[in-house]
N, C-alpha and C. Protein backbone atom coordinates (compact mmCIF):
# COMPACT_ATOMS: atom_id res chain seq x y z
N MET A 1 20.89 -11.55 -1.80
CA MET A 1 21.86 -10.49 -1.61
C MET A 1 21.35 -9.54 -0.55
N ARG A 2 22.22 -9.15 0.35
CA ARG A 2 21.91 -8.17 1.40
C ARG A 2 22.35 -6.80 0.90
N ALA A 3 21.39 -5.87 0.86
CA ALA A 3 21.73 -4.56 0.29
C ALA A 3 20.95 -3.45 0.98
N VAL A 4 21.58 -2.31 1.07
CA VAL A 4 20.92 -1.08 1.48
C VAL A 4 20.47 -0.39 0.21
N LEU A 5 19.20 0.00 0.17
CA LEU A 5 18.64 0.72 -0.97
C LEU A 5 18.43 2.15 -0.53
N ASP A 6 18.96 3.10 -1.26
CA ASP A 6 18.74 4.48 -0.83
C ASP A 6 17.26 4.84 -1.04
N THR A 7 16.85 5.91 -0.41
CA THR A 7 15.44 6.29 -0.39
C THR A 7 14.86 6.47 -1.78
N ASN A 8 15.59 7.11 -2.67
CA ASN A 8 15.06 7.34 -4.02
C ASN A 8 14.82 6.03 -4.76
N VAL A 9 15.66 5.06 -4.54
CA VAL A 9 15.49 3.75 -5.19
C VAL A 9 14.23 3.07 -4.67
N VAL A 10 14.04 3.10 -3.36
CA VAL A 10 12.85 2.47 -2.76
C VAL A 10 11.58 3.18 -3.23
N VAL A 11 11.59 4.51 -3.18
CA VAL A 11 10.42 5.28 -3.59
C VAL A 11 10.08 5.00 -5.05
N SER A 12 11.06 4.95 -5.91
CA SER A 12 10.80 4.65 -7.33
C SER A 12 10.17 3.27 -7.49
N ALA A 13 10.68 2.29 -6.77
CA ALA A 13 10.13 0.94 -6.87
C ALA A 13 8.70 0.87 -6.34
N LEU A 14 8.42 1.63 -5.29
CA LEU A 14 7.08 1.59 -4.69
C LEU A 14 6.05 2.38 -5.48
N LEU A 15 6.41 3.54 -5.96
CA LEU A 15 5.44 4.43 -6.57
C LEU A 15 5.18 4.17 -8.05
N PHE A 16 6.18 3.70 -8.74
CA PHE A 16 6.06 3.56 -10.18
C PHE A 16 6.06 2.07 -10.55
N ARG A 17 4.95 1.43 -10.27
CA ARG A 17 4.84 -0.02 -10.40
C ARG A 17 5.07 -0.53 -11.81
N ALA A 18 4.78 0.25 -12.78
CA ALA A 18 5.02 -0.18 -14.16
C ALA A 18 6.30 0.45 -14.70
N GLY A 19 7.12 0.97 -13.81
CA GLY A 19 8.31 1.68 -14.22
C GLY A 19 9.55 0.82 -14.29
N ARG A 20 10.68 1.50 -14.37
CA ARG A 20 11.97 0.83 -14.53
C ARG A 20 12.41 0.04 -13.31
N ARG A 21 11.78 0.27 -12.16
CA ARG A 21 12.22 -0.38 -10.92
C ARG A 21 11.24 -1.46 -10.43
N ASP A 22 10.26 -1.85 -11.24
CA ASP A 22 9.28 -2.84 -10.78
C ASP A 22 9.94 -4.18 -10.46
N TRP A 23 11.01 -4.53 -11.15
CA TRP A 23 11.76 -5.76 -10.88
C TRP A 23 12.33 -5.76 -9.47
N LEU A 24 12.64 -4.58 -8.95
CA LEU A 24 13.24 -4.47 -7.63
C LEU A 24 12.26 -4.92 -6.54
N ARG A 25 11.03 -4.49 -6.65
CA ARG A 25 10.01 -4.89 -5.68
C ARG A 25 9.85 -6.42 -5.71
N ALA A 26 9.84 -7.00 -6.90
CA ALA A 26 9.74 -8.46 -7.02
C ALA A 26 10.95 -9.14 -6.37
N ALA A 27 12.12 -8.53 -6.48
CA ALA A 27 13.33 -9.12 -5.89
C ALA A 27 13.25 -9.14 -4.37
N TRP A 28 12.78 -8.06 -3.74
CA TRP A 28 12.70 -8.10 -2.27
C TRP A 28 11.53 -8.96 -1.80
N GLN A 29 10.45 -8.99 -2.56
CA GLN A 29 9.31 -9.82 -2.16
C GLN A 29 9.62 -11.31 -2.28
N SER A 30 10.45 -11.69 -3.24
CA SER A 30 10.81 -13.10 -3.43
C SER A 30 11.94 -13.54 -2.50
N GLY A 31 12.60 -12.60 -1.85
CA GLY A 31 13.71 -12.94 -0.97
C GLY A 31 15.06 -13.00 -1.67
N ARG A 32 15.10 -12.75 -2.97
CA ARG A 32 16.40 -12.70 -3.66
C ARG A 32 17.22 -11.52 -3.19
N LEU A 33 16.54 -10.53 -2.66
CA LEU A 33 17.19 -9.32 -2.15
C LEU A 33 16.65 -9.07 -0.75
N VAL A 34 17.56 -8.93 0.20
CA VAL A 34 17.17 -8.54 1.56
C VAL A 34 17.57 -7.08 1.72
N ALA A 35 16.56 -6.24 1.80
CA ALA A 35 16.80 -4.81 1.97
C ALA A 35 17.10 -4.54 3.44
N LEU A 36 18.19 -3.86 3.69
CA LEU A 36 18.59 -3.53 5.06
C LEU A 36 18.18 -2.09 5.35
N VAL A 37 17.53 -1.89 6.50
CA VAL A 37 17.09 -0.56 6.89
C VAL A 37 17.53 -0.28 8.32
N THR A 38 17.67 0.98 8.62
CA THR A 38 17.91 1.42 9.99
C THR A 38 16.76 2.34 10.38
N ARG A 39 16.74 2.71 11.62
CA ARG A 39 15.72 3.66 12.08
C ARG A 39 15.83 4.96 11.27
N GLU A 40 17.05 5.37 11.02
CA GLU A 40 17.30 6.63 10.30
C GLU A 40 16.85 6.55 8.84
N THR A 41 17.19 5.46 8.15
CA THR A 41 16.81 5.37 6.74
C THR A 41 15.30 5.18 6.60
N THR A 42 14.69 4.47 7.53
CA THR A 42 13.24 4.32 7.51
C THR A 42 12.55 5.65 7.79
N GLY A 43 13.11 6.43 8.70
CA GLY A 43 12.56 7.76 8.98
C GLY A 43 12.58 8.64 7.75
N GLU A 44 13.67 8.56 7.00
CA GLU A 44 13.73 9.36 5.77
C GLU A 44 12.70 8.88 4.76
N LEU A 45 12.52 7.59 4.64
CA LEU A 45 11.51 7.05 3.71
C LEU A 45 10.12 7.55 4.10
N LEU A 46 9.80 7.51 5.37
CA LEU A 46 8.50 8.01 5.83
C LEU A 46 8.32 9.48 5.47
N ARG A 47 9.36 10.25 5.70
CA ARG A 47 9.31 11.70 5.42
C ARG A 47 9.11 11.96 3.93
N VAL A 48 9.84 11.25 3.09
CA VAL A 48 9.75 11.46 1.64
C VAL A 48 8.37 11.06 1.11
N LEU A 49 7.81 9.99 1.63
CA LEU A 49 6.48 9.58 1.17
C LEU A 49 5.40 10.59 1.53
N GLU A 50 5.69 11.49 2.44
CA GLU A 50 4.74 12.55 2.80
C GLU A 50 4.87 13.80 1.93
N TYR A 51 5.82 13.82 1.01
CA TYR A 51 5.97 14.99 0.14
C TYR A 51 4.65 15.25 -0.59
N PRO A 52 4.21 16.50 -0.62
CA PRO A 52 2.96 16.82 -1.31
C PRO A 52 2.94 16.41 -2.78
N LYS A 53 4.09 16.44 -3.45
CA LYS A 53 4.11 16.11 -4.88
C LYS A 53 3.64 14.68 -5.17
N PHE A 54 3.72 13.79 -4.18
CA PHE A 54 3.27 12.42 -4.40
C PHE A 54 1.77 12.25 -4.17
N ARG A 55 1.17 13.18 -3.48
CA ARG A 55 -0.29 13.16 -3.24
C ARG A 55 -0.76 11.82 -2.66
N LEU A 56 -0.06 11.34 -1.65
CA LEU A 56 -0.40 10.07 -1.03
C LEU A 56 -1.20 10.30 0.24
N SER A 57 -2.27 9.59 0.38
CA SER A 57 -3.05 9.65 1.61
C SER A 57 -2.33 8.82 2.68
N PRO A 58 -2.70 8.99 3.92
CA PRO A 58 -2.09 8.12 4.96
C PRO A 58 -2.29 6.63 4.65
N GLU A 59 -3.43 6.27 4.12
CA GLU A 59 -3.69 4.87 3.75
C GLU A 59 -2.77 4.43 2.61
N ASP A 60 -2.58 5.30 1.62
CA ASP A 60 -1.65 4.99 0.52
C ASP A 60 -0.24 4.73 1.07
N ARG A 61 0.19 5.59 1.98
CA ARG A 61 1.53 5.43 2.55
C ARG A 61 1.65 4.12 3.33
N ARG A 62 0.62 3.78 4.09
CA ARG A 62 0.63 2.52 4.84
C ARG A 62 0.74 1.33 3.88
N GLU A 63 -0.02 1.37 2.79
CA GLU A 63 0.03 0.27 1.82
C GLU A 63 1.40 0.15 1.17
N LEU A 64 2.00 1.28 0.83
CA LEU A 64 3.34 1.25 0.23
C LEU A 64 4.36 0.69 1.21
N LEU A 65 4.30 1.14 2.44
CA LEU A 65 5.23 0.64 3.46
C LEU A 65 5.02 -0.85 3.70
N ALA A 66 3.77 -1.30 3.64
CA ALA A 66 3.47 -2.72 3.82
C ALA A 66 4.02 -3.56 2.66
N ASP A 67 4.28 -2.93 1.53
CA ASP A 67 4.91 -3.61 0.39
C ASP A 67 6.42 -3.74 0.56
N PHE A 68 6.98 -2.96 1.46
CA PHE A 68 8.44 -2.93 1.61
C PHE A 68 8.94 -3.42 2.97
N LEU A 69 8.47 -2.79 4.02
CA LEU A 69 9.06 -3.04 5.35
C LEU A 69 9.00 -4.49 5.82
N PRO A 70 7.93 -5.24 5.57
CA PRO A 70 7.94 -6.64 6.02
C PRO A 70 9.04 -7.48 5.37
N HIS A 71 9.56 -7.03 4.26
CA HIS A 71 10.61 -7.76 3.54
C HIS A 71 12.01 -7.24 3.90
N ALA A 72 12.07 -6.22 4.73
CA ALA A 72 13.35 -5.61 5.08
C ALA A 72 13.85 -6.16 6.42
N GLU A 73 15.14 -6.09 6.58
CA GLU A 73 15.77 -6.47 7.84
C GLU A 73 16.25 -5.20 8.54
N ILE A 74 15.85 -5.06 9.79
CA ILE A 74 16.26 -3.88 10.55
C ILE A 74 17.67 -4.10 11.07
N VAL A 75 18.51 -3.13 10.83
CA VAL A 75 19.91 -3.17 11.24
C VAL A 75 20.10 -2.16 12.36
N ALA A 76 20.67 -2.62 13.45
CA ALA A 76 20.98 -1.71 14.55
C ALA A 76 22.26 -0.96 14.22
N PRO A 77 22.30 0.32 14.54
CA PRO A 77 23.54 1.05 14.27
C PRO A 77 24.68 0.46 15.09
N ALA A 78 25.84 0.46 14.50
CA ALA A 78 27.02 -0.06 15.19
C ALA A 78 27.37 0.85 16.36
N LYS A 79 27.78 0.23 17.46
CA LYS A 79 28.19 1.02 18.62
C LYS A 79 29.41 1.86 18.29
N LYS A 80 30.29 1.27 17.51
CA LYS A 80 31.46 2.00 17.05
C LYS A 80 31.31 2.13 15.54
N LEU A 81 31.20 3.35 15.05
CA LEU A 81 30.99 3.56 13.63
C LEU A 81 32.20 3.11 12.82
N ALA A 82 31.90 2.43 11.75
CA ALA A 82 32.96 1.96 10.86
C ALA A 82 33.66 3.15 10.20
N LYS A 83 34.92 2.97 9.92
CA LYS A 83 35.66 4.00 9.20
C LYS A 83 35.26 3.91 7.74
N LEU A 84 34.59 4.94 7.29
CA LEU A 84 34.08 4.97 5.93
C LEU A 84 34.57 6.23 5.23
N PRO A 85 34.60 6.21 3.91
CA PRO A 85 35.02 7.41 3.19
C PRO A 85 34.02 8.55 3.41
N ALA A 86 34.51 9.75 3.37
CA ALA A 86 33.64 10.93 3.53
C ALA A 86 32.83 11.11 2.25
N CYS A 87 31.57 11.38 2.44
CA CYS A 87 30.67 11.61 1.31
C CYS A 87 30.49 13.11 1.13
N ARG A 88 30.43 13.55 -0.12
CA ARG A 88 30.24 14.98 -0.39
C ARG A 88 28.95 15.51 0.22
N ASP A 89 27.92 14.67 0.30
CA ASP A 89 26.65 15.05 0.91
C ASP A 89 26.52 14.33 2.24
N PRO A 90 26.70 15.05 3.35
CA PRO A 90 26.65 14.40 4.66
C PRO A 90 25.33 13.67 4.93
N ALA A 91 24.25 14.07 4.29
CA ALA A 91 22.96 13.41 4.49
C ALA A 91 22.99 11.97 3.97
N ASP A 92 23.90 11.65 3.08
CA ASP A 92 23.99 10.30 2.52
C ASP A 92 24.80 9.35 3.40
N THR A 93 25.47 9.88 4.40
CA THR A 93 26.31 9.06 5.26
C THR A 93 25.52 7.96 5.94
N MET A 94 24.24 8.20 6.22
CA MET A 94 23.43 7.18 6.91
C MET A 94 23.36 5.89 6.10
N PHE A 95 23.39 5.98 4.78
CA PHE A 95 23.34 4.78 3.95
C PHE A 95 24.65 4.00 4.01
N LEU A 96 25.75 4.72 4.06
CA LEU A 96 27.05 4.06 4.21
C LEU A 96 27.13 3.33 5.55
N HIS A 97 26.68 3.99 6.62
CA HIS A 97 26.71 3.37 7.94
C HIS A 97 25.77 2.18 8.02
N ALA A 98 24.62 2.27 7.39
CA ALA A 98 23.68 1.15 7.38
C ALA A 98 24.30 -0.05 6.67
N ALA A 99 24.96 0.20 5.54
CA ALA A 99 25.60 -0.89 4.80
C ALA A 99 26.70 -1.55 5.62
N ALA A 100 27.51 -0.73 6.29
CA ALA A 100 28.59 -1.28 7.11
C ALA A 100 28.03 -2.06 8.30
N ALA A 101 27.06 -1.50 9.00
CA ALA A 101 26.49 -2.15 10.18
C ALA A 101 25.76 -3.44 9.83
N GLY A 102 25.12 -3.47 8.65
CA GLY A 102 24.37 -4.64 8.24
C GLY A 102 25.17 -5.67 7.46
N ARG A 103 26.46 -5.41 7.34
CA ARG A 103 27.33 -6.28 6.55
C ARG A 103 26.73 -6.54 5.16
N ALA A 104 26.32 -5.44 4.56
CA ALA A 104 25.69 -5.50 3.24
C ALA A 104 26.71 -5.90 2.18
N GLU A 105 26.21 -6.56 1.18
CA GLU A 105 27.02 -6.84 0.01
C GLU A 105 27.05 -5.62 -0.90
N ALA A 106 25.98 -4.80 -0.80
CA ALA A 106 25.90 -3.66 -1.70
C ALA A 106 25.06 -2.53 -1.10
N LEU A 107 25.36 -1.34 -1.56
CA LEU A 107 24.54 -0.14 -1.35
C LEU A 107 24.07 0.24 -2.75
N VAL A 108 22.76 0.35 -2.92
CA VAL A 108 22.20 0.60 -4.24
C VAL A 108 21.66 2.02 -4.29
N THR A 109 22.13 2.78 -5.26
CA THR A 109 21.81 4.19 -5.33
C THR A 109 21.98 4.72 -6.75
N GLY A 110 21.30 5.79 -7.02
CA GLY A 110 21.53 6.53 -8.26
C GLY A 110 22.24 7.83 -7.96
N ASP A 111 22.58 8.05 -6.71
CA ASP A 111 23.18 9.29 -6.23
C ASP A 111 24.67 9.32 -6.58
N GLU A 112 25.07 10.30 -7.37
CA GLU A 112 26.46 10.40 -7.81
C GLU A 112 27.43 10.58 -6.63
N ASP A 113 26.98 11.23 -5.56
CA ASP A 113 27.86 11.42 -4.40
C ASP A 113 28.23 10.08 -3.78
N LEU A 114 27.30 9.14 -3.77
CA LEU A 114 27.60 7.80 -3.24
C LEU A 114 28.31 6.94 -4.28
N LEU A 115 27.87 7.00 -5.51
CA LEU A 115 28.51 6.19 -6.55
C LEU A 115 29.99 6.54 -6.70
N ALA A 116 30.36 7.78 -6.40
CA ALA A 116 31.76 8.20 -6.49
C ALA A 116 32.65 7.46 -5.50
N LEU A 117 32.04 6.86 -4.48
CA LEU A 117 32.80 6.15 -3.44
C LEU A 117 32.91 4.65 -3.71
N ALA A 118 32.50 4.22 -4.88
CA ALA A 118 32.35 2.79 -5.19
C ALA A 118 33.59 1.94 -4.90
N ARG A 119 34.75 2.44 -5.09
CA ARG A 119 35.95 1.63 -4.89
C ARG A 119 36.58 1.84 -3.52
N LEU A 120 35.89 2.56 -2.65
CA LEU A 120 36.48 2.93 -1.36
C LEU A 120 35.84 2.23 -0.17
N THR A 121 34.95 1.28 -0.41
CA THR A 121 34.26 0.59 0.68
C THR A 121 34.42 -0.92 0.53
N ASP A 122 34.16 -1.64 1.63
CA ASP A 122 34.21 -3.10 1.60
C ASP A 122 33.00 -3.69 0.88
N PHE A 123 31.95 -2.92 0.76
CA PHE A 123 30.74 -3.36 0.06
C PHE A 123 30.67 -2.65 -1.28
N ALA A 124 29.99 -3.26 -2.22
CA ALA A 124 29.82 -2.64 -3.54
C ALA A 124 28.85 -1.47 -3.44
N ILE A 125 29.08 -0.45 -4.21
CA ILE A 125 28.12 0.64 -4.36
C ILE A 125 27.69 0.59 -5.81
N LEU A 126 26.42 0.24 -6.01
CA LEU A 126 25.91 -0.07 -7.34
C LEU A 126 24.75 0.82 -7.74
N SER A 127 24.63 1.06 -9.01
CA SER A 127 23.42 1.68 -9.54
C SER A 127 22.34 0.61 -9.55
N PRO A 128 21.07 1.00 -9.63
CA PRO A 128 20.02 -0.02 -9.74
C PRO A 128 20.22 -0.95 -10.94
N GLY A 129 20.69 -0.40 -12.06
CA GLY A 129 20.94 -1.23 -13.23
C GLY A 129 22.01 -2.29 -12.99
N ALA A 130 23.07 -1.90 -12.29
CA ALA A 130 24.13 -2.86 -11.98
C ALA A 130 23.64 -3.94 -11.03
N LEU A 131 22.79 -3.57 -10.08
CA LEU A 131 22.21 -4.57 -9.18
C LEU A 131 21.35 -5.54 -9.99
N ARG A 132 20.57 -5.00 -10.89
CA ARG A 132 19.70 -5.87 -11.71
C ARG A 132 20.51 -6.90 -12.47
N GLN A 133 21.64 -6.48 -13.01
CA GLN A 133 22.52 -7.42 -13.72
C GLN A 133 23.05 -8.49 -12.77
N ARG A 134 23.46 -8.09 -11.56
CA ARG A 134 23.98 -9.05 -10.61
C ARG A 134 22.92 -10.07 -10.17
N LEU A 135 21.70 -9.60 -10.05
CA LEU A 135 20.61 -10.50 -9.63
C LEU A 135 20.04 -11.30 -10.80
N GLY A 136 20.38 -10.89 -12.00
CA GLY A 136 19.84 -11.55 -13.18
C GLY A 136 18.34 -11.33 -13.32
N ALA A 137 17.91 -10.14 -12.86
CA ALA A 137 16.46 -9.84 -12.89
C ALA A 137 16.04 -9.21 -14.19
């Protein structure tokens, strides 16, 4: 499955290895899930991993990124942006555009602003739990 994972979903899977999202890391590492990223979404991931609350050293961040980025497919932004529904949080628009540009089957998020748009896009907008059910993980 080709999917855009929002930053919080990726961070949860990377940082909390024994947590609720450990199956997700196994899914992208096995190739059952192809995570789609753009320059913009990757930039946000880098920025979030630098938050002081995570207490990650530069080496820690490199190791976490090495667990994710080699399994991701880089999507170039579309020259002409797809017509997508307006999101209540403009900062989340990058995930919608990444999904459209990458011809994703799904955008995976726990963000209510994105989940509210679930029936308004050509791709599914799923919670991590719904993705897990679809993958049978």
